[in-house]
Amino acid sequence: MGLNREQQAWLLGLSARSLQRAGAGNGPELTQDQLTRLSLVVGIYKALHILYDDAAADGWLRRANRRHPFAGQTPLEYMSRGGIPAMYEVRRLLDADRSGMFSVTPEARKAASSFETVVDL
C-alpha cells in the first residue's frame, strides 16, 4: 500500500523493529489486537486491489477523501486517529463498494486513479 515502515507498524500495532524482525521470519507472537489489525489491513488491501488498478489502490490510503467518514482526511489519517474501530469502518466501506452497493462502474474506477482527491460518489 506504499506505506513507510512506521505507518505499517502502527497499523499492525507493532514497533518498527518488531515489524522488521517479522519480515525476516523472527517476528513476535501476535496478540489478539495485532491479529485483528492484520486481518483488517489484509482485507483493506485486497478490497482496494479488486476495486482499483494497482497504482490507484496503492495511493488510496494517502489521498484526501471527502467521502463519509473521512471528511477531507486521508483514510490513513482517519485510521490513525480512530484505531481499530476506524479500520473496521474503512474495511466495511470498501466491502460495500465491492458488493456494488454504490454501483461504481469500471470507467469510474479507471478515472479515479487519476484524481488528486477521491470525490463523493
PDB file of N, CA and C in Angstrom:
ATOM      1  N   MET A   1       0.820  -1.193   0.000  1.00  0.00           N
ATOM      2  CA  MET A   1       0.000   0.000   0.000  1.00  0.00           C
ATOM      3  C   MET A   1       0.863   1.255   0.000  1.00  0.00           C
ATOM      4  N   GLY A   2       2.155   1.087  -0.168  1.00  0.00           N
ATOM      5  CA  GLY A   2       3.035   2.241  -0.281  1.00  0.00           C
ATOM      6  C   GLY A   2       3.266   2.983   1.014  1.00  0.00           C
ATOM      7  N   LEU A   3       3.167   2.314   2.150  1.00  0.00           N
ATOM      8  CA  LEU A   3       3.360   2.970   3.438  1.00  0.00           C
ATOM      9  C   LEU A   3       4.788   2.773   3.917  1.00  0.00           C
ATOM     10  N   ASN A   4       5.282   3.744   4.698  1.00  0.00           N
ATOM     11  CA  ASN A   4       6.619   3.562   5.258  1.00  0.00           C
ATOM     12  C   ASN A   4       6.542   2.594   6.436  1.00  0.00           C
ATOM     13  N   ARG A   5       7.688   2.171   6.931  1.00  0.00           N
ATOM     14  CA  ARG A   5       7.746   1.155   7.980  1.00  0.00           C
ATOM     15  C   ARG A   5       6.999   1.586   9.243  1.00  0.00           C
ATOM     16  N   GLU A   6       7.102   2.855   9.618  1.00  0.00           N
ATOM     17  CA  GLU A   6       6.420   3.341  10.822  1.00  0.00           C
ATOM     18  C   GLU A   6       4.896   3.261  10.657  1.00  0.00           C
ATOM     19  N   GLN A   7       4.412   3.631   9.469  1.00  0.00           N
ATOM     20  CA  GLN A   7       2.981   3.556   9.205  1.00  0.00           C
ATOM     21  C   GLN A   7       2.500   2.101   9.212  1.00  0.00           C
ATOM     22  N   GLN A   8       3.272   1.238   8.577  1.00  0.00           N
ATOM     23  CA  GLN A   8       2.927  -0.181   8.570  1.00  0.00           C
ATOM     24  C   GLN A   8       2.892  -0.728   9.994  1.00  0.00           C
ATOM     25  N   ALA A   9       3.908  -0.406  10.769  1.00  0.00           N
ATOM     26  CA  ALA A   9       3.995  -0.902  12.145  1.00  0.00           C
ATOM     27  C   ALA A   9       2.813  -0.401  12.969  1.00  0.00           C
ATOM     28  N   TRP A  10       2.471   0.888  12.816  1.00  0.00           N
ATOM     29  CA  TRP A  10       1.353   1.426  13.589  1.00  0.00           C
ATOM     30  C   TRP A  10       0.063   0.695  13.251  1.00  0.00           C
ATOM     31  N   LEU A  11      -0.211   0.524  11.960  1.00  0.00           N
ATOM     32  CA  LEU A  11      -1.444  -0.143  11.559  1.00  0.00           C
ATOM     33  C   LEU A  11      -1.534  -1.558  12.141  1.00  0.00           C
ATOM     34  N   LEU A  12      -0.391  -2.213  12.292  1.00  0.00           N
ATOM     35  CA  LEU A  12      -0.382  -3.579  12.814  1.00  0.00           C
ATOM     36  C   LEU A  12      -0.226  -3.637  14.329  1.00  0.00           C
ATOM     37  N   GLY A  13      -0.011  -2.496  14.960  1.00  0.00           N
ATOM     38  CA  GLY A  13       0.153  -2.478  16.409  1.00  0.00           C
ATOM     39  C   GLY A  13       1.484  -3.032  16.854  1.00  0.00           C
ATOM     40  N   LEU A  14       2.506  -2.861  16.032  1.00  0.00           N
ATOM     41  CA  LEU A  14       3.853  -3.355  16.322  1.00  0.00           C
ATOM     42  C   LEU A  14       4.831  -2.194  16.364  1.00  0.00           C
ATOM     43  N   SER A  15       5.986  -2.432  16.925  1.00  0.00           N
ATOM     44  CA  SER A  15       7.069  -1.459  16.800  1.00  0.00           C
ATOM     45  C   SER A  15       7.703  -1.670  15.428  1.00  0.00           C
ATOM     46  N   ALA A  16       8.385  -0.648  14.930  1.00  0.00           N
ATOM     47  CA  ALA A  16       9.051  -0.765  13.628  1.00  0.00           C
ATOM     48  C   ALA A  16      10.089  -1.890  13.666  1.00  0.00           C
ATOM     49  N   ARG A  17      10.759  -2.047  14.793  1.00  0.00           N
ATOM     50  CA  ARG A  17      11.771  -3.101  14.913  1.00  0.00           C
ATOM     51  C   ARG A  17      11.132  -4.493  14.885  1.00  0.00           C
ATOM     52  N   SER A  18      10.003  -4.652  15.574  1.00  0.00           N
ATOM     53  CA  SER A  18       9.300  -5.941  15.546  1.00  0.00           C
ATOM     54  C   SER A  18       8.816  -6.269  14.137  1.00  0.00           C
ATOM     55  N   LEU A  19       8.353  -5.251  13.423  1.00  0.00           N
ATOM     56  CA  LEU A  19       7.914  -5.458  12.045  1.00  0.00           C
ATOM     57  C   LEU A  19       9.083  -5.898  11.178  1.00  0.00           C
ATOM     58  N   GLN A  20      10.230  -5.279  11.372  1.00  0.00           N
ATOM     59  CA  GLN A  20      11.416  -5.650  10.607  1.00  0.00           C
ATOM     60  C   GLN A  20      11.816  -7.100  10.912  1.00  0.00           C
ATOM     61  N   ARG A  21      11.773  -7.473  12.192  1.00  0.00           N
ATOM     62  CA  ARG A  21      12.109  -8.852  12.563  1.00  0.00           C
ATOM     63  C   ARG A  21      11.090  -9.835  11.976  1.00  0.00           C
ATOM     64  N   ALA A  22       9.819  -9.441  11.959  1.00  0.00           N
ATOM     65  CA  ALA A  22       8.785 -10.309  11.397  1.00  0.00           C
ATOM     66  C   ALA A  22       9.042 -10.554   9.915  1.00  0.00           C
ATOM     67  N   GLY A  23       9.501  -9.515   9.225  1.00  0.00           N
ATOM     68  CA  GLY A  23       9.816  -9.650   7.805  1.00  0.00           C
ATOM     69  C   GLY A  23      10.961 -10.607   7.552  1.00  0.00           C
ATOM     70  N   ALA A  24      11.829 -10.756   8.556  1.00  0.00           N
ATOM     71  CA  ALA A  24      12.959 -11.670   8.445  1.00  0.00           C
ATOM     72  C   ALA A  24      12.623 -13.062   8.989  1.00  0.00           C
ATOM     73  N   GLY A  25      11.372 -13.246   9.431  1.00  0.00           N
ATOM     74  CA  GLY A  25      10.963 -14.554   9.926  1.00  0.00           C
ATOM     75  C   GLY A  25      11.125 -14.740  11.424  1.00  0.00           C
ATOM     76  N   ASN A  26      11.493 -13.687  12.151  1.00  0.00           N
ATOM     77  CA  ASN A  26      11.689 -13.769  13.599  1.00  0.00           C
ATOM     78  C   ASN A  26      10.722 -12.877  14.349  1.00  0.00           C
ATOM     79  N   GLY A  27       9.512 -12.775  13.877  1.00  0.00           N
ATOM     80  CA  GLY A  27       8.550 -11.867  14.487  1.00  0.00           C
ATOM     81  C   GLY A  27       8.030 -12.368  15.818  1.00  0.00           C
ATOM     82  N   PRO A  28       7.450 -11.466  16.583  1.00  0.00           N
ATOM     83  CA  PRO A  28       6.890 -11.846  17.880  1.00  0.00           C
ATOM     84  C   PRO A  28       5.584 -12.609  17.699  1.00  0.00           C
ATOM     85  N   GLU A  29       5.168 -13.313  18.732  1.00  0.00           N
ATOM     86  CA  GLU A  29       3.848 -13.918  18.715  1.00  0.00           C
ATOM     87  C   GLU A  29       2.840 -12.774  18.789  1.00  0.00           C
ATOM     88  N   LEU A  30       1.853 -12.802  17.909  1.00  0.00           N
ATOM     89  CA  LEU A  30       0.916 -11.689  17.820  1.00  0.00           C
ATOM     90  C   LEU A  30      -0.205 -11.815  18.841  1.00  0.00           C
ATOM     91  N   THR A  31      -0.600 -10.666  19.384  1.00  0.00           N
ATOM     92  CA  THR A  31      -1.729 -10.610  20.310  1.00  0.00           C
ATOM     93  C   THR A  31      -3.029 -10.624  19.510  1.00  0.00           C
ATOM     94  N   GLN A  32      -4.144 -10.773  20.207  1.00  0.00           N
ATOM     95  CA  GLN A  32      -5.449 -10.734  19.532  1.00  0.00           C
ATOM     96  C   GLN A  32      -5.651  -9.392  18.835  1.00  0.00           C
ATOM     97  N   ASP A  33      -5.237  -8.304  19.482  1.00  0.00           N
ATOM     98  CA  ASP A  33      -5.337  -6.966  18.890  1.00  0.00           C
ATOM     99  C   ASP A  33      -4.546  -6.901  17.584  1.00  0.00           C
ATOM    100  N   GLN A  34      -3.334  -7.415  17.608  1.00  0.00           N
ATOM    101  CA  GLN A  34      -2.493  -7.367  16.416  1.00  0.00           C
ATOM    102  C   GLN A  34      -3.040  -8.266  15.309  1.00  0.00           C
ATOM    103  N   LEU A  35      -3.594  -9.418  15.682  1.00  0.00           N
ATOM    104  CA  LEU A  35      -4.211 -10.295  14.678  1.00  0.00           C
ATOM    105  C   LEU A  35      -5.424  -9.632  14.040  1.00  0.00           C
ATOM    106  N   THR A  36      -6.201  -8.917  14.848  1.00  0.00           N
ATOM    107  CA  THR A  36      -7.351  -8.178  14.323  1.00  0.00           C
ATOM    108  C   THR A  36      -6.883  -7.120  13.340  1.00  0.00           C
ATOM    109  N   ARG A  37      -5.875  -6.362  13.734  1.00  0.00           N
ATOM    110  CA  ARG A  37      -5.324  -5.333  12.853  1.00  0.00           C
ATOM    111  C   ARG A  37      -4.812  -5.937  11.546  1.00  0.00           C
ATOM    112  N   LEU A  38      -4.098  -7.046  11.647  1.00  0.00           N
ATOM    113  CA  LEU A  38      -3.554  -7.708  10.459  1.00  0.00           C
ATOM    114  C   LEU A  38      -4.683  -8.148   9.533  1.00  0.00           C
ATOM    115  N   SER A  39      -5.730  -8.723  10.093  1.00  0.00           N
ATOM    116  CA  SER A  39      -6.875  -9.133   9.291  1.00  0.00           C
ATOM    117  C   SER A  39      -7.511  -7.945   8.582  1.00  0.00           C
ATOM    118  N   LEU A  40      -7.668  -6.832   9.293  1.00  0.00           N
ATOM    119  CA  LEU A  40      -8.269  -5.636   8.692  1.00  0.00           C
ATOM    120  C   LEU A  40      -7.391  -5.080   7.575  1.00  0.00           C
ATOM    121  N   VAL A  41      -6.088  -5.016   7.807  1.00  0.00           N
ATOM    122  CA  VAL A  41      -5.166  -4.484   6.790  1.00  0.00           C
ATOM    123  C   VAL A  41      -5.189  -5.362   5.543  1.00  0.00           C
ATOM    124  N   VAL A  42      -5.170  -6.677   5.723  1.00  0.00           N
ATOM    125  CA  VAL A  42      -5.210  -7.585   4.570  1.00  0.00           C
ATOM    126  C   VAL A  42      -6.528  -7.410   3.804  1.00  0.00           C
ATOM    127  N   GLY A  43      -7.637  -7.298   4.523  1.00  0.00           N
ATOM    128  CA  GLY A  43      -8.927  -7.100   3.871  1.00  0.00           C
ATOM    129  C   GLY A  43      -9.006  -5.783   3.121  1.00  0.00           C
ATOM    130  N   ILE A  44      -8.466  -4.719   3.712  1.00  0.00           N
ATOM    131  CA  ILE A  44      -8.442  -3.403   3.049  1.00  0.00           C
ATOM    132  C   ILE A  44      -7.586  -3.475   1.795  1.00  0.00           C
ATOM    133  N   TYR A  45      -6.414  -4.081   1.914  1.00  0.00           N
ATOM    134  CA  TYR A  45      -5.515  -4.224   0.769  1.00  0.00           C
ATOM    135  C   TYR A  45      -6.211  -4.992  -0.365  1.00  0.00           C
ATOM    136  N   LYS A  46      -6.813  -6.120  -0.018  1.00  0.00           N
ATOM    137  CA  LYS A  46      -7.482  -6.943  -1.032  1.00  0.00           C
ATOM    138  C   LYS A  46      -8.617  -6.177  -1.709  1.00  0.00           C
ATOM    139  N   ALA A  47      -9.440  -5.511  -0.916  1.00  0.00           N
ATOM    140  CA  ALA A  47     -10.564  -4.758  -1.478  1.00  0.00           C
ATOM    141  C   ALA A  47     -10.078  -3.656  -2.411  1.00  0.00           C
ATOM    142  N   LEU A  48      -9.048  -2.933  -1.999  1.00  0.00           N
ATOM    143  CA  LEU A  48      -8.522  -1.855  -2.850  1.00  0.00           C
ATOM    144  C   LEU A  48      -8.028  -2.387  -4.186  1.00  0.00           C
ATOM    145  N   HIS A  49      -7.369  -3.541  -4.169  1.00  0.00           N
ATOM    146  CA  HIS A  49      -6.827  -4.092  -5.410  1.00  0.00           C
ATOM    147  C   HIS A  49      -7.890  -4.759  -6.271  1.00  0.00           C
ATOM    148  N   ILE A  50      -9.036  -5.046  -5.706  1.00  0.00           N
ATOM    149  CA  ILE A  50     -10.168  -5.514  -6.514  1.00  0.00           C
ATOM    150  C   ILE A  50     -10.870  -4.320  -7.147  1.00  0.00           C
ATOM    151  N   LEU A  51     -11.009  -3.241  -6.382  1.00  0.00           N
ATOM    152  CA  LEU A  51     -11.738  -2.062  -6.849  1.00  0.00           C
ATOM    153  C   LEU A  51     -10.963  -1.210  -7.847  1.00  0.00           C
ATOM    154  N   TYR A  52      -9.651  -1.110  -7.676  1.00  0.00           N
ATOM    155  CA  TYR A  52      -8.842  -0.168  -8.449  1.00  0.00           C
ATOM    156  C   TYR A  52      -7.639  -0.861  -9.066  1.00  0.00           C
ATOM    157  N   ASP A  53      -7.038  -0.205 -10.064  1.00  0.00           N
ATOM    158  CA  ASP A  53      -5.784  -0.726 -10.590  1.00  0.00           C
ATOM    159  C   ASP A  53      -4.713  -0.549  -9.506  1.00  0.00           C
ATOM    160  N   ASP A  54      -3.565  -1.178  -9.698  1.00  0.00           N
ATOM    161  CA  ASP A  54      -2.538  -1.206  -8.650  1.00  0.00           C
ATOM    162  C   ASP A  54      -2.084   0.181  -8.210  1.00  0.00           C
ATOM    163  N   ALA A  55      -1.869   1.086  -9.144  1.00  0.00           N
ATOM    164  CA  ALA A  55      -1.394   2.428  -8.781  1.00  0.00           C
ATOM    165  C   ALA A  55      -2.426   3.174  -7.949  1.00  0.00           C
ATOM    166  N   ALA A  56      -3.692   3.113  -8.357  1.00  0.00           N
ATOM    167  CA  ALA A  56      -4.745   3.801  -7.601  1.00  0.00           C
ATOM    168  C   ALA A  56      -4.939   3.146  -6.243  1.00  0.00           C
ATOM    169  N   ALA A  57      -4.909   1.818  -6.195  1.00  0.00           N
ATOM    170  CA  ALA A  57      -5.085   1.105  -4.932  1.00  0.00           C
ATOM    171  C   ALA A  57      -3.968   1.453  -3.955  1.00  0.00           C
ATOM    172  N   ASP A  58      -2.740   1.490  -4.449  1.00  0.00           N
ATOM    173  CA  ASP A  58      -1.599   1.762  -3.580  1.00  0.00           C
ATOM    174  C   ASP A  58      -1.591   3.192  -3.053  1.00  0.00           C
ATOM    175  N   GLY A  59      -2.199   4.124  -3.777  1.00  0.00           N
ATOM    176  CA  GLY A  59      -2.221   5.508  -3.326  1.00  0.00           C
ATOM    177  C   GLY A  59      -3.473   5.897  -2.563  1.00  0.00           C
ATOM    178  N   TRP A  60      -4.473   5.039  -2.529  1.00  0.00           N
ATOM    179  CA  TRP A  60      -5.776   5.376  -1.966  1.00  0.00           C
ATOM    180  C   TRP A  60      -5.684   5.797  -0.498  1.00  0.00           C
ATOM    181  N   LEU A  61      -4.914   5.125   0.288  1.00  0.00           N
ATOM    182  CA  LEU A  61      -4.821   5.450   1.723  1.00  0.00           C
ATOM    183  C   LEU A  61      -4.222   6.828   1.980  1.00  0.00           C
ATOM    184  N   ARG A  62      -3.441   7.339   1.050  1.00  0.00           N
ATOM    185  CA  ARG A  62      -2.734   8.615   1.246  1.00  0.00           C
ATOM    186  C   ARG A  62      -3.381   9.787   0.514  1.00  0.00           C
ATOM    187  N   ARG A  63      -4.512   9.546  -0.165  1.00  0.00           N
ATOM    188  CA  ARG A  63      -5.203  10.634  -0.862  1.00  0.00           C
ATOM    189  C   ARG A  63      -6.332  11.174   0.004  1.00  0.00           C
ATOM    190  N   ALA A  64      -6.456  12.499   0.044  1.00  0.00           N
ATOM    191  CA  ALA A  64      -7.565  13.126   0.769  1.00  0.00           C
ATOM    192  C   ALA A  64      -8.875  12.620   0.188  1.00  0.00           C
ATOM    193  N   ASN A  65      -9.862  12.437   1.066  1.00  0.00           N
ATOM    194  CA  ASN A  65     -11.114  11.832   0.642  1.00  0.00           C
ATOM    195  C   ASN A  65     -12.264  12.576   1.313  1.00  0.00           C
ATOM    196  N   ARG A  66     -13.183  13.092   0.509  1.00  0.00           N
ATOM    197  CA  ARG A  66     -14.326  13.846   1.045  1.00  0.00           C
ATOM    198  C   ARG A  66     -15.512  12.955   1.381  1.00  0.00           C
ATOM    199  N   ARG A  67     -15.402  11.720   1.067  1.00  0.00           N
ATOM    200  CA  ARG A  67     -16.474  10.768   1.337  1.00  0.00           C
ATOM    201  C   ARG A  67     -16.649  10.561   2.837  1.00  0.00           C
ATOM    202  N   HIS A  68     -17.880  10.260   3.258  1.00  0.00           N
ATOM    203  CA  HIS A  68     -18.092   9.898   4.663  1.00  0.00           C
ATOM    204  C   HIS A  68     -17.377   8.583   4.929  1.00  0.00           C
ATOM    205  N   PRO A  69     -16.639   8.443   5.933  1.00  0.00           N
ATOM    206  CA  PRO A  69     -16.483   9.236   7.150  1.00  0.00           C
ATOM    207  C   PRO A  69     -15.215  10.081   7.172  1.00  0.00           C
ATOM    208  N   PHE A  70     -14.524  10.214   6.055  1.00  0.00           N
ATOM    209  CA  PHE A  70     -13.190  10.818   6.055  1.00  0.00           C
ATOM    210  C   PHE A  70     -13.182  12.338   6.208  1.00  0.00           C
ATOM    211  N   ALA A  71     -14.191  13.021   5.692  1.00  0.00           N
ATOM    212  CA  ALA A  71     -14.316  14.475   5.837  1.00  0.00           C
ATOM    213  C   ALA A  71     -13.047  15.226   5.425  1.00  0.00           C
ATOM    214  N   GLY A  72     -12.476  14.829   4.297  1.00  0.00           N
ATOM    215  CA  GLY A  72     -11.303  15.519   3.769  1.00  0.00           C
ATOM    216  C   GLY A  72      -9.968  14.969   4.248  1.00  0.00           C
ATOM    217  N   GLN A  73      -9.983  14.100   5.219  1.00  0.00           N
ATOM    218  CA  GLN A  73      -8.741  13.463   5.678  1.00  0.00           C
ATOM    219  C   GLN A  73      -8.351  12.358   4.700  1.00  0.00           C
ATOM    220  N   THR A  74      -7.139  11.897   4.791  1.00  0.00           N
ATOM    221  CA  THR A  74      -6.787  10.678   4.072  1.00  0.00           C
ATOM    222  C   THR A  74      -7.321   9.499   4.889  1.00  0.00           C
ATOM    223  N   PRO A  75      -7.613   8.381   4.254  1.00  0.00           N
ATOM    224  CA  PRO A  75      -8.021   7.214   5.023  1.00  0.00           C
ATOM    225  C   PRO A  75      -6.968   6.800   6.060  1.00  0.00           C
ATOM    226  N   LEU A  76      -5.692   6.984   5.734  1.00  0.00           N
ATOM    227  CA  LEU A  76      -4.635   6.652   6.693  1.00  0.00           C
ATOM    228  C   LEU A  76      -4.716   7.546   7.931  1.00  0.00           C
ATOM    229  N   GLU A  77      -4.946   8.846   7.734  1.00  0.00           N
ATOM    230  CA  GLU A  77      -5.112   9.753   8.878  1.00  0.00           C
ATOM    231  C   GLU A  77      -6.328   9.355   9.700  1.00  0.00           C
ATOM    232  N   TYR A  78      -7.412   9.037   9.014  1.00  0.00           N
ATOM    233  CA  TYR A  78      -8.640   8.644   9.690  1.00  0.00           C
ATOM    234  C   TYR A  78      -8.398   7.410  10.566  1.00  0.00           C
ATOM    235  N   MET A  79      -7.736   6.410  10.010  1.00  0.00           N
ATOM    236  CA  MET A  79      -7.467   5.191  10.772  1.00  0.00           C
ATOM    237  C   MET A  79      -6.472   5.443  11.895  1.00  0.00           C
ATOM    238  N   SER A  80      -5.502   6.320  11.651  1.00  0.00           N
ATOM    239  CA  SER A  80      -4.522   6.645  12.693  1.00  0.00           C
ATOM    240  C   SER A  80      -5.181   7.296  13.890  1.00  0.00           C
ATOM    241  N   ARG A  81      -6.168   8.132  13.652  1.00  0.00           N
ATOM    242  CA  ARG A  81      -6.871   8.815  14.749  1.00  0.00           C
ATOM    243  C   ARG A  81      -7.901   7.919  15.418  1.00  0.00           C
ATOM    244  N   GLY A  82      -8.497   7.011  14.646  1.00  0.00           N
ATOM    245  CA  GLY A  82      -9.616   6.230  15.163  1.00  0.00           C
ATOM    246  C   GLY A  82      -9.311   4.809  15.581  1.00  0.00           C
ATOM    247  N   GLY A  83      -8.085   4.335  15.308  1.00  0.00           N
ATOM    248  CA  GLY A  83      -7.703   2.989  15.723  1.00  0.00           C
ATOM    249  C   GLY A  83      -8.516   1.887  15.055  1.00  0.00           C
ATOM    250  N   ILE A  84      -8.666   0.791  15.783  1.00  0.00           N
ATOM    251  CA  ILE A  84      -9.344  -0.383  15.229  1.00  0.00           C
ATOM    252  C   ILE A  84     -10.780  -0.084  14.793  1.00  0.00           C
ATOM    253  N   PRO A  85     -11.578   0.677  15.565  1.00  0.00           N
ATOM    254  CA  PRO A  85     -12.933   0.965  15.072  1.00  0.00           C
ATOM    255  C   PRO A  85     -12.932   1.666  13.703  1.00  0.00           C
ATOM    256  N   ALA A  86     -11.998   2.577  13.486  1.00  0.00           N
ATOM    257  CA  ALA A  86     -11.905   3.263  12.197  1.00  0.00           C
ATOM    258  C   ALA A  86     -11.433   2.302  11.106  1.00  0.00           C
ATOM    259  N   MET A  87     -10.538   1.400  11.463  1.00  0.00           N
ATOM    260  CA  MET A  87     -10.075   0.407  10.491  1.00  0.00           C
ATOM    261  C   MET A  87     -11.240  -0.487  10.061  1.00  0.00           C
ATOM    262  N   TYR A  88     -12.086  -0.889  11.021  1.00  0.00           N
ATOM    263  CA  TYR A  88     -13.287  -1.661  10.680  1.00  0.00           C
ATOM    264  C   TYR A  88     -14.191  -0.866   9.741  1.00  0.00           C
ATOM    265  N   GLU A  89     -14.350   0.411  10.016  1.00  0.00           N
ATOM    266  CA  GLU A  89     -15.231   1.239   9.191  1.00  0.00           C
ATOM    267  C   GLU A  89     -14.715   1.346   7.759  1.00  0.00           C
ATOM    268  N   VAL A  90     -13.401   1.511   7.597  1.00  0.00           N
ATOM    269  CA  VAL A  90     -12.808   1.564   6.257  1.00  0.00           C
ATOM    270  C   VAL A  90     -13.018   0.227   5.557  1.00  0.00           C
ATOM    271  N   ARG A  91     -12.800  -0.848   6.259  1.00  0.00           N
ATOM    272  CA  ARG A  91     -12.992  -2.178   5.675  1.00  0.00           C
ATOM    273  C   ARG A  91     -14.441  -2.362   5.229  1.00  0.00           C
ATOM    274  N   ARG A  92     -15.405  -1.967   6.067  1.00  0.00           N
ATOM    275  CA  ARG A  92     -16.823  -2.103   5.706  1.00  0.00           C
ATOM    276  C   ARG A  92     -17.177  -1.240   4.496  1.00  0.00           C
ATOM    277  N   LEU A  93     -16.628  -0.028   4.442  1.00  0.00           N
ATOM    278  CA  LEU A  93     -16.875   0.858   3.310  1.00  0.00           C
ATOM    279  C   LEU A  93     -16.390   0.223   2.009  1.00  0.00           C
ATOM    280  N   LEU A  94     -15.170  -0.302   2.038  1.00  0.00           N
ATOM    281  CA  LEU A  94     -14.612  -0.916   0.834  1.00  0.00           C
ATOM    282  C   LEU A  94     -15.358  -2.192   0.467  1.00  0.00           C
ATOM    283  N   ASP A  95     -15.776  -2.963   1.461  1.00  0.00           N
ATOM    284  CA  ASP A  95     -16.568  -4.161   1.168  1.00  0.00           C
ATOM    285  C   ASP A  95     -17.908  -3.781   0.540  1.00  0.00           C
ATOM    286  N   ALA A  96     -18.512  -2.682   0.992  1.00  0.00           N
ATOM    287  CA  ALA A  96     -19.760  -2.201   0.389  1.00  0.00           C
ATOM    288  C   ALA A  96     -19.515  -1.790  -1.057  1.00  0.00           C
ATOM    289  N   ASP A  97     -18.393  -1.118  -1.305  1.00  0.00           N
ATOM    290  CA  ASP A  97     -18.049  -0.752  -2.684  1.00  0.00           C
ATOM    291  C   ASP A  97     -17.883  -2.008  -3.543  1.00  0.00           C
ATOM    292  N   ARG A  98     -17.220  -3.011  -2.999  1.00  0.00           N
ATOM    293  CA  ARG A  98     -17.007  -4.258  -3.740  1.00  0.00           C
ATOM    294  C   ARG A  98     -18.315  -4.953  -4.062  1.00  0.00           C
ATOM    295  N   SER A  99     -19.274  -4.852  -3.161  1.00  0.00           N
ATOM    296  CA  SER A  99     -20.549  -5.547  -3.365  1.00  0.00           C
ATOM    297  C   SER A  99     -21.427  -4.846  -4.399  1.00  0.00           C
ATOM    298  N   GLY A 100     -21.014  -3.651  -4.842  1.00  0.00           N
ATOM    299  CA  GLY A 100     -21.806  -2.904  -5.814  1.00  0.00           C
ATOM    300  C   GLY A 100     -22.814  -1.991  -5.165  1.00  0.00           C
ATOM    301  N   MET A 101     -22.730  -1.851  -3.857  1.00  0.00           N
ATOM    302  CA  MET A 101     -23.685  -1.011  -3.143  1.00  0.00           C
ATOM    303  C   MET A 101     -23.727   0.404  -3.705  1.00  0.00           C
ATOM    304  N   PHE A 102     -22.571   0.893  -4.169  1.00  0.00           N
ATOM    305  CA  PHE A 102     -22.503   2.240  -4.708  1.00  0.00           C
ATOM    306  C   PHE A 102     -22.399   2.244  -6.227  1.00  0.00           C
ATOM    307  N   SER A 103     -22.517   1.092  -6.862  1.00  0.00           N
ATOM    308  CA  SER A 103     -22.541   0.944  -8.317  1.00  0.00           C
ATOM    309  C   SER A 103     -21.405   1.692  -9.008  1.00  0.00           C
ATOM    310  N   VAL A 104     -20.187   1.462  -8.573  1.00  0.00           N
ATOM    311  CA  VAL A 104     -19.031   2.076  -9.207  1.00  0.00           C
ATOM    312  C   VAL A 104     -18.759   1.331 -10.514  1.00  0.00           C
ATOM    313  N   THR A 105     -18.763   2.073 -11.609  1.00  0.00           N
ATOM    314  CA  THR A 105     -18.539   1.460 -12.915  1.00  0.00           C
ATOM    315  C   THR A 105     -17.049   1.281 -13.166  1.00  0.00           C
ATOM    316  N   PRO A 106     -16.675   0.383 -14.070  1.00  0.00           N
ATOM    317  CA  PRO A 106     -15.251   0.240 -14.417  1.00  0.00           C
ATOM    318  C   PRO A 106     -14.648   1.560 -14.919  1.00  0.00           C
ATOM    319  N   GLU A 107     -15.448   2.348 -15.639  1.00  0.00           N
ATOM    320  CA  GLU A 107     -14.951   3.636 -16.137  1.00  0.00           C
ATOM    321  C   GLU A 107     -14.656   4.589 -14.976  1.00  0.00           C
ATOM    322  N   ALA A 108     -15.530   4.572 -13.962  1.00  0.00           N
ATOM    323  CA  ALA A 108     -15.319   5.434 -12.791  1.00  0.00           C
ATOM    324  C   ALA A 108     -14.085   4.998 -12.015  1.00  0.00           C
ATOM    325  N   ARG A 109     -13.885   3.696 -11.897  1.00  0.00           N
ATOM    326  CA  ARG A 109     -12.682   3.200 -11.218  1.00  0.00           C
ATOM    327  C   ARG A 109     -11.423   3.666 -11.934  1.00  0.00           C
ATOM    328  N   LYS A 110     -11.447   3.573 -13.266  1.00  0.00           N
ATOM    329  CA  LYS A 110     -10.273   3.983 -14.048  1.00  0.00           C
ATOM    330  C   LYS A 110     -10.042   5.484 -13.902  1.00  0.00           C
ATOM    331  N   ALA A 111     -11.100   6.271 -13.966  1.00  0.00           N
ATOM    332  CA  ALA A 111     -10.976   7.722 -13.826  1.00  0.00           C
ATOM    333  C   ALA A 111     -10.470   8.090 -12.433  1.00  0.00           C
ATOM    334  N   ALA A 112     -10.878   7.339 -11.412  1.00  0.00           N
ATOM    335  CA  ALA A 112     -10.479   7.644 -10.039  1.00  0.00           C
ATOM    336  C   ALA A 112      -8.976   7.542  -9.841  1.00  0.00           C
ATOM    337  N   SER A 113      -8.327   6.717 -10.629  1.00  0.00           N
ATOM    338  CA  SER A 113      -6.886   6.542 -10.465  1.00  0.00           C
ATOM    339  C   SER A 113      -6.109   7.819 -10.793  1.00  0.00           C
ATOM    340  N   SER A 114      -6.718   8.746 -11.517  1.00  0.00           N
ATOM    341  CA  SER A 114      -6.020   9.987 -11.859  1.00  0.00           C
ATOM    342  C   SER A 114      -6.414  11.161 -10.965  1.00  0.00           C
ATOM    343  N   PHE A 115      -7.335  10.958 -10.025  1.00  0.00           N
ATOM    344  CA  PHE A 115      -7.780  12.032  -9.139  1.00  0.00           C
ATOM    345  C   PHE A 115      -6.742  12.323  -8.076  1.00  0.00           C
ATOM    346  N   GLU A 116      -6.569  13.594  -7.778  1.00  0.00           N
ATOM    347  CA  GLU A 116      -5.754  14.008  -6.636  1.00  0.00           C
ATOM    348  C   GLU A 116      -6.508  13.724  -5.346  1.00  0.00           C
ATOM    349  N   THR A 117      -7.798  13.980  -5.366  1.00  0.00           N
ATOM    350  CA  THR A 117      -8.672  13.764  -4.213  1.00  0.00           C
ATOM    351  C   THR A 117      -9.815  12.888  -4.639  1.00  0.00           C
ATOM    352  N   VAL A 118     -10.108  11.858  -3.845  1.00  0.00           N
ATOM    353  CA  VAL A 118     -11.242  10.997  -4.139  1.00  0.00           C
ATOM    354  C   VAL A 118     -12.505  11.776  -3.803  1.00  0.00           C
ATOM    355  N   VAL A 119     -13.458  11.783  -4.716  1.00  0.00           N
ATOM    356  CA  VAL A 119     -14.674  12.574  -4.536  1.00  0.00           C
ATOM    357  C   VAL A 119     -15.806  11.713  -4.025  1.00  0.00           C
ATOM    358  N   ASP A 120     -16.830  12.363  -3.500  1.00  0.00           N
ATOM    359  CA  ASP A 120     -18.024  11.654  -3.067  1.00  0.00           C
ATOM    360  C   ASP A 120     -18.666  10.990  -4.254  1.00  0.00           C
ATOM    361  N   LEU A 121     -19.097   9.766  -4.061  1.00  0.00           N
ATOM    362  CA  LEU A 121     -19.755   9.035  -5.150  1.00  0.00           C
ATOM    363  C   LEU A 121     -21.242   9.043  -4.941  1.00  0.00           C
TER     364      LEU A 121
END
